[in-house]
Amino acid sequence: MTLRDAILTLASTVAIAPLQYPIMNVTKYITHDAEKFMPSIKQTTRLALMLGSTALLAACGGGTPATPTGNPDASVSTADLSRRIEQLASDEFEGRAPSTPGGQAASQYIADEMKKAGLEPMGDNGTYFQTVELTAMTVAPSSSMSIISGDETLVEADQKTNAVFWTKRLDESVSVADSELVFVGYGVNAPEYDWNDYAGLDVTGKTVVMLVNDPGFATKDENLFKGNAMTYYGRWTYKYEEAARQGAAAVLVIHETEPASYGWDVVSGSWTGEQYDLVRTDGGASRAALEGWLHYDTAESLFETAGLDLRAQMSAAAQKGFKPVSMGDLKLDATINQTVKTTQSPNVAGAIKGTTRPEEYVLYMAHWDHLGMSEDLEGDDKIFNGAVDNATGTAAIIEVAETMVERGAPERSVIFVAVTAEESGLLGSAYYGEKPLVPLAQTVGGINIDAILPVGQTKDMKVIGFGSSELEDLLKKQLDKRGMYIVPDQKPEAGYFYRSDHISLAKLGVPMLYADAGNNHVTNGLTYGEEFDAEYTKDRYHKPADEFDNSWDLSGIAQVTEIMLDMGYDLANSEDWPNWYEGAEFRGLRDEMRPED
């Protein structure tokens, strides 16, 4: 039997015998032979149902068809998850960098899958694409950054082993000359914590050198910032922005693996090559002329030359009342030559329209992009395939969408958004926040899925940023049904809550949940899961080794997807408006957005 024959046979069965064979049970008429021709049994069923409904409508002389009841028992397909993850992580998409041919092909594939899943397009001009305007900048080999002491050059940055640098300004050539170095501790100005590393200091025209993370991490003092848990002030994004606000000419962050939560190879791999930003009205003029990272060993040597002990300065920087320290006669000279172009890369969005309250939306989000390719990589593999990060999450939200369609549209609408340029600084989700496809005040809440490890089924799920919103209560209900439990993020010092796309909506007040697979494996135990996680972070995260493997145990990815599906589906069929918990930093924004709640 051919695929066409299978579809037509099923369609005619539905059309001529609607009473004898209820639509929700029609899947049993798909033959084993036809299944050989199907990329997904669910897609063929859906197509047949549409064809059958059309034939039935014609036979009855027209009119408006009844809303299909759907199949309430429809569940996640591990085979479909595997198929989509493998395709998204294939070499064909060349690492899914925004605006590249591989990225364009990947976004088109996602749109095609959304269409097959039965989603309505939610993008521009009736398409699945929301166009995000980006600037793409590539630092030329002729660029240079030197740190000098008198006539002696101490550091000649090589963009690989000792320092990485770039500029967010959109000029083709940017220079910094004779800029004094000053150590500003953690580079934090946080009035609510009564902390200002810039107090009494004018850094105009100077190069500020600072530490990654924040003082709470360094001291483990729960009364200092948030203790071991990183705050937004610990993120490199904040540090570069604040230094620019202070008037610095250049900003250098000292890398350390533990407080950064990733190794130097992630820095050299992620911040070189083509870099993206949203189109800024000022052309990046408000940013410092140079931004960059220093390898710890390089920084230690520079401090020694300046007559300073880096470890002693780090200890001092973690204490209240720290004062910035001049780095003697050390100065920075740099010239950045770069190519600058304006480009586009889409967010991909589709929706299921609600049956009774279609103006209210539950949001699912995942980023589809990754790091692309780099000819500078050692070895033969030049592609960052991003199988875990984030082919898994993208495949998951498509699978959630497809299964919801099969179950039948809920009372509220559900929108699915695969965003671009997450790896470049959460740019696609930031753009969505600025220009949402549905009003933020009518967005009930959101679920972000980012990088599900193929560890297998677990007894627990992690909540990143645990203790933030009432969405956690809804997750707990789902886990209780399954005999599972929530664990807080075990590495709050890594700042994962500020490192994925949910934060772009959270900062605007929308309650968002970022949950992930746990570590307590159902048969192999906790140690197995922790070692699995650690191995991925060390050897695969943001490396070409993040590739799909047919030996993966996908049962855990299916488990997480099913839980996120049930949670969102129940929310979409409820009248609940979950909020941030009392005392959460975003609660006030949501209350202003929805005062009626």
Foldseek 3Di string as FASTA:
>chain_A
DELVVQLVVLLVCCQPCCPVQPLQRSLVSRDPVNVVRDLDSLLSSVSSVVSNVVNNCVVVPHDDDDFDQFHQPFAFDLSLLQVLLQVLLDCCLQQLAFQDPSVVVSLVVLQVLLVSLPFFALDPPRGQWPKFKKKKKAWDPVWWKFKAFVPGTLDIDDLADFKNKDALFQDQKFKQPQAFEWEQEAQDDDVVQPAHSCPPHQQASHEYEYEAFALLCVVQDCSHPNRNFGDPSRDPVNNQLSCLVSRHQEYEYEDDCQLQVADVNLQSLLRHDMAMDGDDPVRRPSTRGMYMYGYNVSVQVLQVVLVHHVVVLNVLSSDGPRYMGTSHSIGMIIMTGMDMDMGIGTKGKTKQAADAARLAEEEEEEASGGRGFDPPDPDDQGGLSCSLFPSLSSSLLSSLSSSCVNSGHARYMYMYIHFYDLSNPLRRLLVCLVPPSHDLLRYLAYEYEGGAALLAAAQEKEWEVPQWWCLVVLLQVLSVVVNHYYDYPPNSSNVVVNRGNVVSSLQQFGHYTYMYGAQQHPPPGNVSSVVSVVCCSHPPVSDSNNHDDPPRNCNHSSVVSRSVSVSSRVVSNDPDRMGTDPPHPRRVSSCVSCVVD
